[in-house]
Each structure stands twice: as C-alpha cells, then as structure tokens.
Amino acid sequence: MGVFLMKRYTNEFKESIIKMHHGEKRSVRSLSEEYGVSPATIHNWIKAAKSVELADGSEMTAKEFKKLQRENQRPKEELEILKAVAVLLGKR
C-alpha cells in the first residue's frame, strides 16, 4: 500500500499564484506547469480567495464566509431544540 503525502503550500505562495492569475492574466495551465501545482489545486485556491461583500459593505473571502456560516448553524440548531423542549415542558 502506497503512502499518500499531501504537499503543503504557504499562504504567500498561494496568494502569489492567485495574483499572477488575476493581475498578469496568466492561465491556470501555465501556472500549473511552471510551479508544479495541479490545475485543480490552483482552481480551488482561486475559488477560496473570491471575496464576498457583506451587508455592511465589508468583504471577506468565500472560505471565511462559509466557515462563519457553519459556525452559525450550530446555535440555530440548538435554539430549535430548546424551543421544542420548551413546548413539550409547557404541555405538562
């Protein structure tokens, strides 16, 4: 059985690849060939770095936004459980 090692890249490296793609209009294919990173990985970095504008005008990356959404989901679920318990206890 082979051992699969996942290569780690620094945030600075990822940001430089994204800047070359957007700023210099370099293709994902050329960046992949030059830096030895798979095209799928570069596409994931580009997608994660896209910004989302919030209602207050501020921005965050799509990745940060999704993380906040996941963190926000748990308290919502807990609140629904507490509401159901309150209804059940109120019927006694």
C-alpha atoms as a PDB file:
ATOM      1  CA  MET A   1       0.000   0.000   0.000  1.00  0.00           C
ATOM      2  CA  GLY A   2       1.426   3.410  -1.010  1.00  0.00           C
ATOM      3  CA  VAL A   3       1.629   6.360   1.304  1.00  0.00           C
ATOM      4  CA  PHE A   4      -0.117   9.458   0.053  1.00  0.00           C
ATOM      5  CA  LEU A   5       1.640  12.646   1.082  1.00  0.00           C
ATOM      6  CA  MET A   6      -0.192  15.905   0.684  1.00  0.00           C
ATOM      7  CA  LYS A   7       2.064  18.763  -0.268  1.00  0.00           C
ATOM      8  CA  ARG A   8       1.596  21.910   1.829  1.00  0.00           C
ATOM      9  CA  TYR A   9       1.952  25.385   0.348  1.00  0.00           C
ATOM     10  CA  THR A  10       2.362  28.635   2.248  1.00  0.00           C
ATOM     11  CA  ASN A  11      -0.345  31.274   2.115  1.00  0.00           C
ATOM     12  CA  GLU A  12       2.172  33.623   0.491  1.00  0.00           C
ATOM     13  CA  PHE A  13       2.780  31.122  -2.312  1.00  0.00           C
ATOM     14  CA  LYS A  14      -0.960  30.634  -2.872  1.00  0.00           C
ATOM     15  CA  GLU A  15      -1.521  34.406  -2.917  1.00  0.00           C
ATOM     16  CA  SER A  16       1.277  34.918  -5.435  1.00  0.00           C
ATOM     17  CA  ILE A  17      -0.221  32.291  -7.760  1.00  0.00           C
ATOM     18  CA  ILE A  18      -3.654  33.936  -7.476  1.00  0.00           C
ATOM     19  CA  LYS A  19      -2.145  37.388  -8.151  1.00  0.00           C
ATOM     20  CA  MET A  20      -0.359  36.093 -11.241  1.00  0.00           C
ATOM     21  CA  HIS A  21      -3.604  34.564 -12.464  1.00  0.00           C
ATOM     22  CA  HIS A  22      -5.681  37.711 -11.918  1.00  0.00           C
ATOM     23  CA  GLY A  23      -3.139  40.519 -12.279  1.00  0.00           C
ATOM     24  CA  GLU A  24      -0.936  39.150 -15.025  1.00  0.00           C
ATOM     25  CA  LYS A  25      -3.758  37.197 -16.683  1.00  0.00           C
ATOM     26  CA  ARG A  26      -1.703  34.005 -16.514  1.00  0.00           C
ATOM     27  CA  SER A  27      -3.615  30.847 -17.312  1.00  0.00           C
ATOM     28  CA  VAL A  28      -4.082  28.154 -14.703  1.00  0.00           C
ATOM     29  CA  ARG A  29      -2.401  25.732 -17.086  1.00  0.00           C
ATOM     30  CA  SER A  30       0.777  27.835 -17.444  1.00  0.00           C
ATOM     31  CA  LEU A  31       0.978  28.380 -13.675  1.00  0.00           C
ATOM     32  CA  SER A  32       0.477  24.674 -13.090  1.00  0.00           C
ATOM     33  CA  GLU A  33       3.235  23.737 -15.498  1.00  0.00           C
ATOM     34  CA  GLU A  34       5.674  26.362 -14.196  1.00  0.00           C
ATOM     35  CA  TYR A  35       5.179  25.764 -10.463  1.00  0.00           C
ATOM     36  CA  GLY A  36       4.265  22.070 -10.390  1.00  0.00           C
ATOM     37  CA  VAL A  37       0.860  22.556  -8.781  1.00  0.00           C
ATOM     38  CA  SER A  38      -2.139  20.714 -10.186  1.00  0.00           C
ATOM     39  CA  PRO A  39      -4.689  22.837 -12.067  1.00  0.00           C
ATOM     40  CA  ALA A  40      -7.441  21.599  -9.711  1.00  0.00           C
ATOM     41  CA  THR A  41      -5.480  22.858  -6.702  1.00  0.00           C
ATOM     42  CA  ILE A  42      -4.987  26.285  -8.293  1.00  0.00           C
ATOM     43  CA  HIS A  43      -8.696  26.460  -9.159  1.00  0.00           C
ATOM     44  CA  ASN A  44      -9.523  25.659  -5.510  1.00  0.00           C
ATOM     45  CA  TRP A  45      -7.223  28.460  -4.310  1.00  0.00           C
ATOM     46  CA  ILE A  46      -8.822  30.938  -6.710  1.00  0.00           C
ATOM     47  CA  LYS A  47     -12.320  29.902  -5.633  1.00  0.00           C
ATOM     48  CA  ALA A  48     -11.464  30.133  -1.917  1.00  0.00           C
ATOM     49  CA  ALA A  49      -9.932  33.593  -2.370  1.00  0.00           C
ATOM     50  CA  LYS A  50     -13.010  35.126  -4.034  1.00  0.00           C
ATOM     51  CA  SER A  51     -14.442  37.829  -1.870  1.00  0.00           C
ATOM     52  CA  VAL A  52     -17.994  38.096  -0.611  1.00  0.00           C
ATOM     53  CA  GLU A  53     -19.443  41.531   0.104  1.00  0.00           C
ATOM     54  CA  LEU A  54     -21.435  41.692   3.320  1.00  0.00           C
ATOM     55  CA  ALA A  55     -24.490  43.842   4.043  1.00  0.00           C
ATOM     56  CA  ASP A  56     -22.379  46.387   5.937  1.00  0.00           C
ATOM     57  CA  GLY A  57     -20.108  46.861   2.901  1.00  0.00           C
ATOM     58  CA  SER A  58     -17.179  44.909   4.316  1.00  0.00           C
ATOM     59  CA  GLU A  59     -15.650  41.965   2.481  1.00  0.00           C
ATOM     60  CA  MET A  60     -14.275  38.546   3.384  1.00  0.00           C
ATOM     61  CA  THR A  61     -13.160  35.542   1.398  1.00  0.00           C
ATOM     62  CA  ALA A  62     -15.668  32.921   0.384  1.00  0.00           C
ATOM     63  CA  LYS A  63     -13.777  30.442   2.555  1.00  0.00           C
ATOM     64  CA  GLU A  64     -14.093  32.687   5.645  1.00  0.00           C
ATOM     65  CA  PHE A  65     -17.774  33.267   4.873  1.00  0.00           C
ATOM     66  CA  LYS A  66     -18.511  29.535   4.644  1.00  0.00           C
ATOM     67  CA  LYS A  67     -16.708  28.961   7.940  1.00  0.00           C
ATOM     68  CA  LEU A  68     -18.876  31.594   9.627  1.00  0.00           C
ATOM     69  CA  GLN A  69     -22.000  30.026   8.149  1.00  0.00           C
ATOM     70  CA  ARG A  70     -21.043  26.617   9.580  1.00  0.00           C
ATOM     71  CA  GLU A  71     -20.288  28.165  12.986  1.00  0.00           C
ATOM     72  CA  ASN A  72     -23.632  29.967  12.918  1.00  0.00           C
ATOM     73  CA  GLN A  73     -25.581  26.816  12.073  1.00  0.00           C
ATOM     74  CA  ARG A  74     -24.958  25.078  15.408  1.00  0.00           C
ATOM     75  CA  PRO A  75     -26.503  27.806  17.620  1.00  0.00           C
ATOM     76  CA  LYS A  76     -29.518  27.854  15.285  1.00  0.00           C
ATOM     77  CA  GLU A  77     -29.956  24.107  15.700  1.00  0.00           C
ATOM     78  CA  GLU A  78     -29.540  24.377  19.477  1.00  0.00           C
ATOM     79  CA  LEU A  79     -32.166  27.140  19.599  1.00  0.00           C
ATOM     80  CA  GLU A  80     -34.647  24.964  17.695  1.00  0.00           C
ATOM     81  CA  ILE A  81     -34.068  22.114  20.153  1.00  0.00           C
ATOM     82  CA  LEU A  82     -34.619  24.447  23.115  1.00  0.00           C
ATOM     83  CA  LYS A  83     -37.837  25.747  21.561  1.00  0.00           C
ATOM     84  CA  ALA A  84     -39.105  22.189  21.099  1.00  0.00           C
ATOM     85  CA  VAL A  85     -38.231  21.316  24.704  1.00  0.00           C
ATOM     86  CA  ALA A  86     -40.000  24.461  25.949  1.00  0.00           C
ATOM     87  CA  VAL A  87     -43.138  23.471  24.024  1.00  0.00           C
ATOM     88  CA  LEU A  88     -43.010  19.943  25.450  1.00  0.00           C
ATOM     89  CA  LEU A  89     -42.484  21.184  29.030  1.00  0.00           C
ATOM     90  CA  GLY A  90     -45.277  23.711  28.602  1.00  0.00           C
ATOM     91  CA  LYS A  91     -47.758  20.942  27.816  1.00  0.00           C
ATOM     92  CA  ARG A  92     -47.326  19.252  31.203  1.00  0.00           C
END
